[in-house]
Each structure stands twice: as C-alpha cells, then as structure tokens.
Amino acid sequence: MREILELLESNAKLSAKEIATMLSMEEAEVESKIKEMEGNKIIIGYFTLVNWEKEGEEKVSAVIEVRMTPQRDVGFDAVAERISRFPEVQSVRLVSGTYDLSVTIEGASMREVNNFVATKLATIDGVVSTTTHFIMKTYKQDGVIIDEDNEDRRLVVSP
C-alpha cells in the first residue's frame, strides 16, 4: 500500500491502471486498496496545485503565529478545530517553540487578512496573541518548485 500512496502523493492524476502497471499488480487490486485507504481516511483528498499568479488572480497569503492558553481536558484541540472551520484558513498546525499554532490563511487583500486576524482569530477565547507574516513569494510548495523553467542547467562538458 505504501507504494500506491507514494505514487498518488507525487501525481494524483495517475489512474488505477497506470499504478497497476508501474507496480506489477492487477488494476482491480489497486482500485480496491485505494477505496480501502479512502474509507480508512489514509487518503483524505486529491488536490491540484495552481499557480494563481500566472492565471492573473491576486491573492494574499499569510502565516500567523498563535499563542494560546490550553483548555482543560482538550488542550489545544478545541481552539485549533474552531480556527480550522473558517473558510479563509488553509492549514492549522500545532508546533513547538515560542508559539503554539501555525495558521496559514488566504485572502483577497492585506486588509481582508488583517480583518480576519483582528475580528475572528484574535477574539477567540484562549488566544493570547497573534503575529502575522505575509507571504511575499512562494518558491516551492508541497514539494513542487513553482515557476520553474525547464531550461537545462547542467554545465557544458567539452573534450
């Protein structure tokens, strides 16, 4: 199953037939294993990585450091789950270090991101402080280099 996961993680467009060929398996067996992994929430979803900047869409992304007070019996989970439900939020991660949660959000403008932090995030019970870092440019995301030209960068070797 690990090989199927690795192939799908690198290219979610692969068909069961292509995966079966690559792994010398039967197509029906691959389909069955994928369904099983989806049912067990091992495979959670399939995504397309889009370079919106090339499409002409202006979006603003920010990483927000959230310091919070853990709640009795649930720790950080209840607040993290609440933050996760906002549509602006792309990811929420519990981290070690000087802050507790790393929250990545996306908005149409810096004002929209600021408004989200000021009116929705910072006002949640248990949130002690926030620090917002606006993402200026993305070079690599989810293991994929963004805006890479396919120019051959090898050094020329001559006799």
C-alpha atoms as a PDB file:
ATOM      1  CA  MET A   1       0.000   0.000   0.000  1.00  0.00           C
ATOM      2  CA  ARG A   2       2.902   2.369   0.695  1.00  0.00           C
ATOM      3  CA  GLU A   3       3.976   2.293  -2.966  1.00  0.00           C
ATOM      4  CA  ILE A   4       0.457   3.259  -4.081  1.00  0.00           C
ATOM      5  CA  LEU A   5       0.425   6.139  -1.601  1.00  0.00           C
ATOM      6  CA  GLU A   6       3.823   7.390  -2.756  1.00  0.00           C
ATOM      7  CA  LEU A   7       2.756   7.321  -6.407  1.00  0.00           C
ATOM      8  CA  LEU A   8      -0.523   9.142  -5.703  1.00  0.00           C
ATOM      9  CA  GLU A   9       1.226  11.663  -3.494  1.00  0.00           C
ATOM     10  CA  SER A  10       3.603  12.583  -6.317  1.00  0.00           C
ATOM     11  CA  ASN A  11       0.873  12.565  -9.005  1.00  0.00           C
ATOM     12  CA  ALA A  12      -2.799  12.366  -8.024  1.00  0.00           C
ATOM     13  CA  LYS A  13      -3.783  12.122 -11.704  1.00  0.00           C
ATOM     14  CA  LEU A  14      -2.434   8.582 -12.030  1.00  0.00           C
ATOM     15  CA  SER A  15      -5.154   6.080 -12.870  1.00  0.00           C
ATOM     16  CA  ALA A  16      -5.519   2.725 -11.159  1.00  0.00           C
ATOM     17  CA  LYS A  17      -4.459   1.123 -14.451  1.00  0.00           C
ATOM     18  CA  GLU A  18      -1.248   3.175 -14.596  1.00  0.00           C
ATOM     19  CA  ILE A  19      -0.436   2.407 -10.958  1.00  0.00           C
ATOM     20  CA  ALA A  20      -1.106  -1.306 -11.526  1.00  0.00           C
ATOM     21  CA  THR A  21       1.296  -1.306 -14.471  1.00  0.00           C
ATOM     22  CA  MET A  22       4.000   0.513 -12.501  1.00  0.00           C
ATOM     23  CA  LEU A  23       3.714  -1.873  -9.547  1.00  0.00           C
ATOM     24  CA  SER A  24       3.058  -5.095 -11.494  1.00  0.00           C
ATOM     25  CA  MET A  25      -0.355  -5.513  -9.870  1.00  0.00           C
ATOM     26  CA  GLU A  26      -3.884  -6.114 -11.091  1.00  0.00           C
ATOM     27  CA  GLU A  27      -5.956  -2.985 -11.722  1.00  0.00           C
ATOM     28  CA  ALA A  28      -8.833  -4.308  -9.589  1.00  0.00           C
ATOM     29  CA  GLU A  29      -6.451  -4.868  -6.673  1.00  0.00           C
ATOM     30  CA  VAL A  30      -5.164  -1.275  -6.916  1.00  0.00           C
ATOM     31  CA  GLU A  31      -8.732   0.089  -7.068  1.00  0.00           C
ATOM     32  CA  SER A  32      -9.682  -1.997  -4.038  1.00  0.00           C
ATOM     33  CA  LYS A  33      -6.684  -0.803  -1.996  1.00  0.00           C
ATOM     34  CA  ILE A  34      -7.343   2.851  -2.915  1.00  0.00           C
ATOM     35  CA  LYS A  35     -11.013   2.541  -1.871  1.00  0.00           C
ATOM     36  CA  GLU A  36      -9.947   0.919   1.385  1.00  0.00           C
ATOM     37  CA  MET A  37      -7.430   3.707   2.108  1.00  0.00           C
ATOM     38  CA  GLU A  38     -10.054   6.359   1.317  1.00  0.00           C
ATOM     39  CA  GLY A  39     -12.519   4.622   3.649  1.00  0.00           C
ATOM     40  CA  ASN A  40      -9.923   4.492   6.438  1.00  0.00           C
ATOM     41  CA  LYS A  41      -9.071   8.202   5.918  1.00  0.00           C
ATOM     42  CA  ILE A  42      -5.489   7.349   4.964  1.00  0.00           C
ATOM     43  CA  ILE A  43      -6.168   9.096   1.663  1.00  0.00           C
ATOM     44  CA  ILE A  44      -8.017  12.249   2.688  1.00  0.00           C
ATOM     45  CA  GLY A  45      -8.315  14.109  -0.602  1.00  0.00           C
ATOM     46  CA  TYR A  46      -6.851  14.866  -4.009  1.00  0.00           C
ATOM     47  CA  PHE A  47      -5.526  18.316  -4.853  1.00  0.00           C
ATOM     48  CA  THR A  48      -4.346  20.358  -7.782  1.00  0.00           C
ATOM     49  CA  LEU A  49      -1.562  22.855  -7.130  1.00  0.00           C
ATOM     50  CA  VAL A  50      -2.413  26.040  -9.050  1.00  0.00           C
ATOM     51  CA  ASN A  51      -0.100  28.972  -9.717  1.00  0.00           C
ATOM     52  CA  TRP A  52      -2.822  31.638  -9.386  1.00  0.00           C
ATOM     53  CA  GLU A  53      -0.346  34.401 -10.096  1.00  0.00           C
ATOM     54  CA  LYS A  54       0.117  33.098 -13.652  1.00  0.00           C
ATOM     55  CA  GLU A  55      -3.662  32.978 -14.016  1.00  0.00           C
ATOM     56  CA  GLY A  56      -3.760  36.668 -13.122  1.00  0.00           C
ATOM     57  CA  GLU A  57      -5.507  36.186  -9.788  1.00  0.00           C
ATOM     58  CA  GLU A  58      -4.135  38.280  -6.958  1.00  0.00           C
ATOM     59  CA  LYS A  59      -4.312  36.535  -3.595  1.00  0.00           C
ATOM     60  CA  VAL A  60      -2.652  37.362  -0.312  1.00  0.00           C
ATOM     61  CA  SER A  61      -1.381  34.595   1.945  1.00  0.00           C
ATOM     62  CA  ALA A  62      -0.123  34.883   5.489  1.00  0.00           C
ATOM     63  CA  VAL A  63       1.293  32.645   8.174  1.00  0.00           C
ATOM     64  CA  ILE A  64       0.019  33.579  11.615  1.00  0.00           C
ATOM     65  CA  GLU A  65       1.746  32.554  14.814  1.00  0.00           C
ATOM     66  CA  VAL A  66      -0.887  31.998  17.501  1.00  0.00           C
ATOM     67  CA  ARG A  67      -0.042  31.852  21.192  1.00  0.00           C
ATOM     68  CA  MET A  68      -2.813  30.417  23.299  1.00  0.00           C
ATOM     69  CA  THR A  69      -3.765  29.038  26.663  1.00  0.00           C
ATOM     70  CA  PRO A  70      -4.629  25.330  26.552  1.00  0.00           C
ATOM     71  CA  GLN A  71      -8.105  24.425  27.782  1.00  0.00           C
ATOM     72  CA  ARG A  72      -8.817  21.883  30.487  1.00  0.00           C
ATOM     73  CA  ASP A  73      -9.338  18.319  29.172  1.00  0.00           C
ATOM     74  CA  VAL A  74      -8.900  19.269  25.487  1.00  0.00           C
ATOM     75  CA  GLY A  75      -5.587  21.160  25.436  1.00  0.00           C
ATOM     76  CA  PHE A  76      -5.200  22.999  22.128  1.00  0.00           C
ATOM     77  CA  ASP A  77      -7.580  20.798  20.129  1.00  0.00           C
ATOM     78  CA  ALA A  78     -10.849  22.698  20.629  1.00  0.00           C
ATOM     79  CA  VAL A  79      -9.414  26.074  19.611  1.00  0.00           C
ATOM     80  CA  ALA A  80      -7.477  24.557  16.695  1.00  0.00           C
ATOM     81  CA  GLU A  81     -10.646  22.848  15.476  1.00  0.00           C
ATOM     82  CA  ARG A  82     -12.600  26.112  15.715  1.00  0.00           C
ATOM     83  CA  ILE A  83      -9.930  28.000  13.748  1.00  0.00           C
ATOM     84  CA  SER A  84      -9.893  25.219  11.127  1.00  0.00           C
ATOM     85  CA  ARG A  85     -13.556  25.847  10.305  1.00  0.00           C
ATOM     86  CA  PHE A  86     -13.013  29.357   8.893  1.00  0.00           C
ATOM     87  CA  PRO A  87     -13.034  29.300   5.069  1.00  0.00           C
ATOM     88  CA  GLU A  88     -10.008  31.633   4.891  1.00  0.00           C
ATOM     89  CA  VAL A  89      -7.866  29.120   6.766  1.00  0.00           C
ATOM     90  CA  GLN A  90      -5.709  26.861   4.598  1.00  0.00           C
ATOM     91  CA  SER A  91      -3.879  24.993   7.379  1.00  0.00           C
ATOM     92  CA  VAL A  92      -3.612  24.803  11.159  1.00  0.00           C
ATOM     93  CA  ARG A  93      -0.681  23.062  12.797  1.00  0.00           C
ATOM     94  CA  LEU A  94       0.320  22.585  16.433  1.00  0.00           C
ATOM     95  CA  VAL A  95       4.018  23.445  16.645  1.00  0.00           C
ATOM     96  CA  SER A  96       6.751  23.527  19.244  1.00  0.00           C
ATOM     97  CA  GLY A  97       8.664  26.682  20.115  1.00  0.00           C
ATOM     98  CA  THR A  98       7.670  30.198  21.052  1.00  0.00           C
ATOM     99  CA  TYR A  99       4.094  29.912  19.803  1.00  0.00           C
ATOM    100  CA  ASP A 100       1.501  27.133  19.742  1.00  0.00           C
ATOM    101  CA  LEU A 101      -0.324  27.127  16.390  1.00  0.00           C
ATOM    102  CA  SER A 102       0.826  27.968  12.892  1.00  0.00           C
ATOM    103  CA  VAL A 103      -2.181  29.126  10.872  1.00  0.00           C
ATOM    104  CA  THR A 104      -1.950  29.749   7.129  1.00  0.00           C
ATOM    105  CA  ILE A 105      -4.711  31.841   5.596  1.00  0.00           C
ATOM    106  CA  GLU A 106      -5.569  33.271   2.210  1.00  0.00           C
ATOM    107  CA  GLY A 107      -7.488  36.434   1.372  1.00  0.00           C
ATOM    108  CA  ALA A 108      -8.154  38.829  -1.480  1.00  0.00           C
ATOM    109  CA  SER A 109      -6.140  41.658   0.093  1.00  0.00           C
ATOM    110  CA  MET A 110      -3.923  42.538   3.046  1.00  0.00           C
ATOM    111  CA  ARG A 111      -6.897  44.389   4.539  1.00  0.00           C
ATOM    112  CA  GLU A 112      -9.020  41.218   4.348  1.00  0.00           C
ATOM    113  CA  VAL A 113      -6.288  39.176   6.076  1.00  0.00           C
ATOM    114  CA  ASN A 114      -5.885  41.876   8.724  1.00  0.00           C
ATOM    115  CA  ASN A 115      -9.646  41.962   9.297  1.00  0.00           C
ATOM    116  CA  PHE A 116      -9.732  38.176   9.726  1.00  0.00           C
ATOM    117  CA  VAL A 117      -6.960  38.274  12.330  1.00  0.00           C
ATOM    118  CA  ALA A 118      -8.419  41.229  14.231  1.00  0.00           C
ATOM    119  CA  THR A 119     -12.101  40.248  14.262  1.00  0.00           C
ATOM    120  CA  LYS A 120     -12.170  36.472  14.054  1.00  0.00           C
ATOM    121  CA  LEU A 121      -8.883  34.934  15.169  1.00  0.00           C
ATOM    122  CA  ALA A 122      -7.656  37.230  17.951  1.00  0.00           C
ATOM    123  CA  THR A 123     -11.094  37.335  19.609  1.00  0.00           C
ATOM    124  CA  ILE A 124     -11.325  33.566  20.202  1.00  0.00           C
ATOM    125  CA  ASP A 125     -11.263  32.610  23.900  1.00  0.00           C
ATOM    126  CA  GLY A 126      -7.880  31.136  24.718  1.00  0.00           C
ATOM    127  CA  VAL A 127      -5.948  33.059  22.051  1.00  0.00           C
ATOM    128  CA  VAL A 128      -3.338  35.142  23.875  1.00  0.00           C
ATOM    129  CA  SER A 129      -1.564  36.787  20.927  1.00  0.00           C
ATOM    130  CA  THR A 130      -1.005  36.600  17.185  1.00  0.00           C
ATOM    131  CA  THR A 131       1.872  37.553  14.889  1.00  0.00           C
ATOM    132  CA  THR A 132       1.145  37.804  11.181  1.00  0.00           C
ATOM    133  CA  HIS A 133       3.743  37.147   8.468  1.00  0.00           C
ATOM    134  CA  PHE A 134       2.623  37.981   4.928  1.00  0.00           C
ATOM    135  CA  ILE A 135       3.947  35.634   2.259  1.00  0.00           C
ATOM    136  CA  MET A 136       5.715  37.714  -0.359  1.00  0.00           C
ATOM    137  CA  LYS A 137       6.581  34.990  -2.872  1.00  0.00           C
ATOM    138  CA  THR A 138       6.333  31.204  -2.953  1.00  0.00           C
ATOM    139  CA  TYR A 139       9.296  29.344  -4.432  1.00  0.00           C
ATOM    140  CA  LYS A 140       8.280  25.805  -3.554  1.00  0.00           C
ATOM    141  CA  GLN A 141       5.011  24.354  -2.277  1.00  0.00           C
ATOM    142  CA  ASP A 142       4.047  20.789  -1.407  1.00  0.00           C
ATOM    143  CA  GLY A 143       7.334  19.530  -2.851  1.00  0.00           C
ATOM    144  CA  VAL A 144       6.843  21.307  -6.187  1.00  0.00           C
ATOM    145  CA  ILE A 145       9.079  24.144  -7.378  1.00  0.00           C
ATOM    146  CA  ILE A 146       6.855  26.996  -8.525  1.00  0.00           C
ATOM    147  CA  ASP A 147       7.532  28.769 -11.818  1.00  0.00           C
ATOM    148  CA  GLU A 148      10.464  26.544 -12.710  1.00  0.00           C
ATOM    149  CA  ASP A 149      11.692  26.927 -16.227  1.00  0.00           C
ATOM    150  CA  ASN A 150      12.677  23.686 -17.871  1.00  0.00           C
ATOM    151  CA  GLU A 151      16.000  25.075 -19.006  1.00  0.00           C
ATOM    152  CA  ASP A 152      18.858  22.586 -18.782  1.00  0.00           C
ATOM    153  CA  ARG A 153      21.153  23.892 -16.016  1.00  0.00           C
ATOM    154  CA  ARG A 154      23.881  21.288 -16.353  1.00  0.00           C
ATOM    155  CA  LEU A 155      27.391  22.503 -17.043  1.00  0.00           C
ATOM    156  CA  VAL A 156      28.682  22.001 -20.533  1.00  0.00           C
ATOM    157  CA  VAL A 157      31.405  19.372 -20.709  1.00  0.00           C
ATOM    158  CA  SER A 158      33.786  19.536 -23.613  1.00  0.00           C
ATOM    159  CA  PRO A 159      36.590  17.154 -24.589  1.00  0.00           C
END
